[in-house]
Amino acid sequence: MIVEQDRPLCGIGAEVCYPHPKNIFDELDAPVMRVSQEDVPMPYNEKLEKAVLPNMDKLIAAVNKVCYA
């Protein structure tokens, strides 16, 4: 699980998790998941900004998906 406050594509998390599934796919029990900022421009409104950024609900949903819960 990689959590970052960056865009889902071309961010540090995308680059960190790219080579590992490719090289050790058979060793993984579950896919590598990323929780990141939504792929939209960062809004200036505080409520919209909170909706775009990673948060606990998005993280829990991703963990449940990885754990097949």
N, C-alpha and C. Protein backbone atom coordinates (compact mmCIF):
# COMPACT_ATOMS: atom_id res chain seq x y z
N MET A 1 0.85 -1.16 0.00
CA MET A 1 0.00 0.00 0.00
C MET A 1 0.90 1.23 0.00
N ILE A 2 0.68 2.10 -0.95
CA ILE A 2 1.42 3.35 -1.03
C ILE A 2 0.42 4.49 -0.90
N VAL A 3 0.64 5.36 0.06
CA VAL A 3 -0.22 6.52 0.27
C VAL A 3 0.62 7.76 0.07
N GLU A 4 0.14 8.66 -0.79
CA GLU A 4 0.88 9.88 -1.04
C GLU A 4 -0.07 11.00 -1.46
N GLN A 5 0.37 12.22 -1.21
CA GLN A 5 -0.40 13.39 -1.60
C GLN A 5 0.18 13.91 -2.91
N ASP A 6 0.00 13.13 -3.96
CA ASP A 6 0.50 13.47 -5.28
C ASP A 6 -0.47 12.87 -6.29
N ARG A 7 -0.31 13.21 -7.52
CA ARG A 7 -1.17 12.69 -8.57
C ARG A 7 -0.92 11.19 -8.76
N PRO A 8 -1.94 10.45 -9.23
CA PRO A 8 -1.78 9.00 -9.37
C PRO A 8 -0.81 8.59 -10.47
N LEU A 9 -0.63 9.43 -11.48
CA LEU A 9 0.28 9.10 -12.57
C LEU A 9 1.50 10.03 -12.51
N CYS A 10 2.64 9.49 -12.78
CA CYS A 10 3.90 10.25 -12.83
C CYS A 10 4.32 10.82 -11.48
N GLY A 11 3.80 10.30 -10.40
CA GLY A 11 4.23 10.73 -9.07
C GLY A 11 5.28 9.77 -8.53
N ILE A 12 5.77 10.07 -7.36
CA ILE A 12 6.79 9.23 -6.74
C ILE A 12 6.22 7.83 -6.44
N GLY A 13 5.01 7.78 -5.93
CA GLY A 13 4.39 6.49 -5.63
C GLY A 13 4.22 5.62 -6.86
N ALA A 14 3.88 6.24 -7.98
CA ALA A 14 3.73 5.49 -9.22
C ALA A 14 5.06 4.89 -9.65
N GLU A 15 6.13 5.65 -9.50
CA GLU A 15 7.45 5.16 -9.88
C GLU A 15 7.98 4.12 -8.91
N VAL A 16 7.64 4.25 -7.63
CA VAL A 16 8.12 3.29 -6.64
C VAL A 16 7.43 1.94 -6.82
N CYS A 17 6.14 1.95 -7.09
CA CYS A 17 5.42 0.67 -7.17
C CYS A 17 5.44 0.05 -8.56
N TYR A 18 5.95 0.73 -9.56
CA TYR A 18 5.95 0.16 -10.92
C TYR A 18 6.85 -1.06 -11.08
N PRO A 19 8.13 -1.01 -10.70
CA PRO A 19 9.00 -2.15 -11.02
C PRO A 19 8.73 -3.39 -10.17
N HIS A 20 8.22 -3.23 -8.97
CA HIS A 20 8.07 -4.38 -8.07
C HIS A 20 7.06 -5.40 -8.56
N PRO A 21 5.84 -5.01 -8.91
CA PRO A 21 4.92 -6.05 -9.42
C PRO A 21 5.43 -6.68 -10.71
N LYS A 22 6.14 -5.92 -11.50
CA LYS A 22 6.66 -6.45 -12.76
C LYS A 22 7.72 -7.51 -12.50
N ASN A 23 8.58 -7.28 -11.50
CA ASN A 23 9.71 -8.18 -11.25
C ASN A 23 9.38 -9.32 -10.29
N ILE A 24 8.48 -9.11 -9.36
CA ILE A 24 8.19 -10.14 -8.35
C ILE A 24 6.70 -10.47 -8.31
N PHE A 25 6.05 -10.51 -9.44
CA PHE A 25 4.60 -10.73 -9.50
C PHE A 25 4.19 -12.01 -8.80
N ASP A 26 4.92 -13.08 -8.97
CA ASP A 26 4.56 -14.37 -8.38
C ASP A 26 4.73 -14.39 -6.86
N GLU A 27 5.50 -13.48 -6.30
CA GLU A 27 5.74 -13.44 -4.86
C GLU A 27 4.67 -12.65 -4.11
N LEU A 28 3.89 -11.84 -4.81
CA LEU A 28 2.90 -10.97 -4.16
C LEU A 28 1.63 -11.74 -3.82
N ASP A 29 1.09 -11.48 -2.63
CA ASP A 29 -0.18 -12.07 -2.23
C ASP A 29 -1.36 -11.24 -2.71
N ALA A 30 -1.13 -9.96 -2.97
CA ALA A 30 -2.17 -9.04 -3.42
C ALA A 30 -1.52 -7.97 -4.28
N PRO A 31 -2.31 -7.28 -5.07
CA PRO A 31 -1.72 -6.23 -5.91
C PRO A 31 -1.24 -5.05 -5.09
N VAL A 32 -0.29 -4.32 -5.63
CA VAL A 32 0.18 -3.09 -5.00
C VAL A 32 -0.89 -2.03 -5.24
N MET A 33 -1.34 -1.39 -4.18
CA MET A 33 -2.38 -0.37 -4.29
C MET A 33 -1.79 0.99 -3.94
N ARG A 34 -2.32 2.02 -4.59
CA ARG A 34 -1.91 3.40 -4.30
C ARG A 34 -3.14 4.20 -3.92
N VAL A 35 -3.01 4.97 -2.87
CA VAL A 35 -4.03 5.95 -2.48
C VAL A 35 -3.37 7.29 -2.67
N SER A 36 -3.90 8.08 -3.60
CA SER A 36 -3.27 9.35 -3.92
C SER A 36 -4.34 10.40 -4.17
N GLN A 37 -3.86 11.58 -4.50
CA GLN A 37 -4.76 12.68 -4.86
C GLN A 37 -5.56 12.27 -6.09
N GLU A 38 -6.79 12.74 -6.19
CA GLU A 38 -7.58 12.49 -7.39
C GLU A 38 -6.88 13.14 -8.58
N ASP A 39 -7.11 12.63 -9.76
CA ASP A 39 -6.44 13.15 -10.95
C ASP A 39 -7.21 14.34 -11.52
N VAL A 40 -7.30 15.39 -10.72
CA VAL A 40 -7.96 16.64 -11.09
C VAL A 40 -7.09 17.80 -10.61
N PRO A 41 -7.27 19.00 -11.16
CA PRO A 41 -6.54 20.15 -10.63
C PRO A 41 -6.92 20.40 -9.17
N MET A 42 -5.96 20.85 -8.37
CA MET A 42 -6.22 21.09 -6.96
C MET A 42 -7.16 22.29 -6.80
N PRO A 43 -8.34 22.08 -6.19
CA PRO A 43 -9.29 23.19 -6.00
C PRO A 43 -8.84 24.13 -4.88
N TYR A 44 -9.35 25.33 -4.91
CA TYR A 44 -9.02 26.32 -3.88
C TYR A 44 -9.99 26.27 -2.71
N ASN A 45 -11.16 25.71 -2.91
CA ASN A 45 -12.15 25.59 -1.86
C ASN A 45 -11.70 24.52 -0.87
N GLU A 46 -11.76 24.82 0.42
CA GLU A 46 -11.26 23.89 1.44
C GLU A 46 -12.00 22.56 1.44
N LYS A 47 -13.32 22.59 1.29
CA LYS A 47 -14.10 21.34 1.28
C LYS A 47 -13.77 20.49 0.05
N LEU A 48 -13.63 21.15 -1.10
CA LEU A 48 -13.27 20.40 -2.30
C LEU A 48 -11.84 19.87 -2.22
N GLU A 49 -10.96 20.63 -1.60
CA GLU A 49 -9.58 20.17 -1.43
C GLU A 49 -9.53 18.91 -0.59
N LYS A 50 -10.32 18.87 0.47
CA LYS A 50 -10.35 17.67 1.32
C LYS A 50 -10.92 16.47 0.57
N ALA A 51 -11.84 16.71 -0.37
CA ALA A 51 -12.40 15.62 -1.15
C ALA A 51 -11.40 15.07 -2.16
N VAL A 52 -10.48 15.90 -2.62
CA VAL A 52 -9.51 15.50 -3.63
C VAL A 52 -8.32 14.76 -3.02
N LEU A 53 -7.92 15.16 -1.83
CA LEU A 53 -6.72 14.59 -1.20
C LEU A 53 -7.00 13.21 -0.60
N PRO A 54 -5.96 12.41 -0.41
CA PRO A 54 -6.15 11.11 0.25
C PRO A 54 -6.65 11.32 1.68
N ASN A 55 -7.53 10.43 2.12
CA ASN A 55 -8.03 10.53 3.49
C ASN A 55 -8.21 9.12 4.06
N MET A 56 -8.64 9.07 5.29
CA MET A 56 -8.76 7.79 5.99
C MET A 56 -9.79 6.88 5.32
N ASP A 57 -10.89 7.42 4.84
CA ASP A 57 -11.91 6.59 4.19
C ASP A 57 -11.38 5.93 2.93
N LYS A 58 -10.63 6.69 2.12
CA LYS A 58 -10.05 6.13 0.90
C LYS A 58 -9.01 5.06 1.24
N LEU A 59 -8.24 5.30 2.28
CA LEU A 59 -7.22 4.33 2.70
C LEU A 59 -7.87 3.04 3.19
N ILE A 60 -8.89 3.15 4.00
CA ILE A 60 -9.58 1.96 4.51
C ILE A 60 -10.22 1.17 3.37
N ALA A 61 -10.82 1.87 2.41
CA ALA A 61 -11.42 1.18 1.26
C ALA A 61 -10.36 0.44 0.45
N ALA A 62 -9.20 1.04 0.28
CA ALA A 62 -8.12 0.38 -0.47
C ALA A 62 -7.57 -0.82 0.27
N VAL A 63 -7.42 -0.71 1.59
CA VAL A 63 -6.94 -1.84 2.39
C VAL A 63 -7.94 -2.99 2.33
N ASN A 64 -9.23 -2.67 2.44
CA ASN A 64 -10.24 -3.72 2.34
C ASN A 64 -10.22 -4.39 0.97
N LYS A 65 -9.96 -3.63 -0.06
CA LYS A 65 -9.88 -4.20 -1.40
C LYS A 65 -8.68 -5.13 -1.54
N VAL A 66 -7.55 -4.74 -0.98
CA VAL A 66 -6.35 -5.58 -1.03
C VAL A 66 -6.52 -6.84 -0.20
N CYS A 67 -7.19 -6.71 0.93
CA CYS A 67 -7.40 -7.86 1.82
C CYS A 67 -8.61 -8.70 1.40
N TYR A 68 -9.22 -8.34 0.29
CA TYR A 68 -10.39 -9.06 -0.23
C TYR A 68 -11.52 -9.11 0.79
N ALA A 69 -11.71 -8.00 1.52
CA ALA A 69 -12.77 -7.94 2.53
C ALA A 69 -14.02 -7.29 1.99
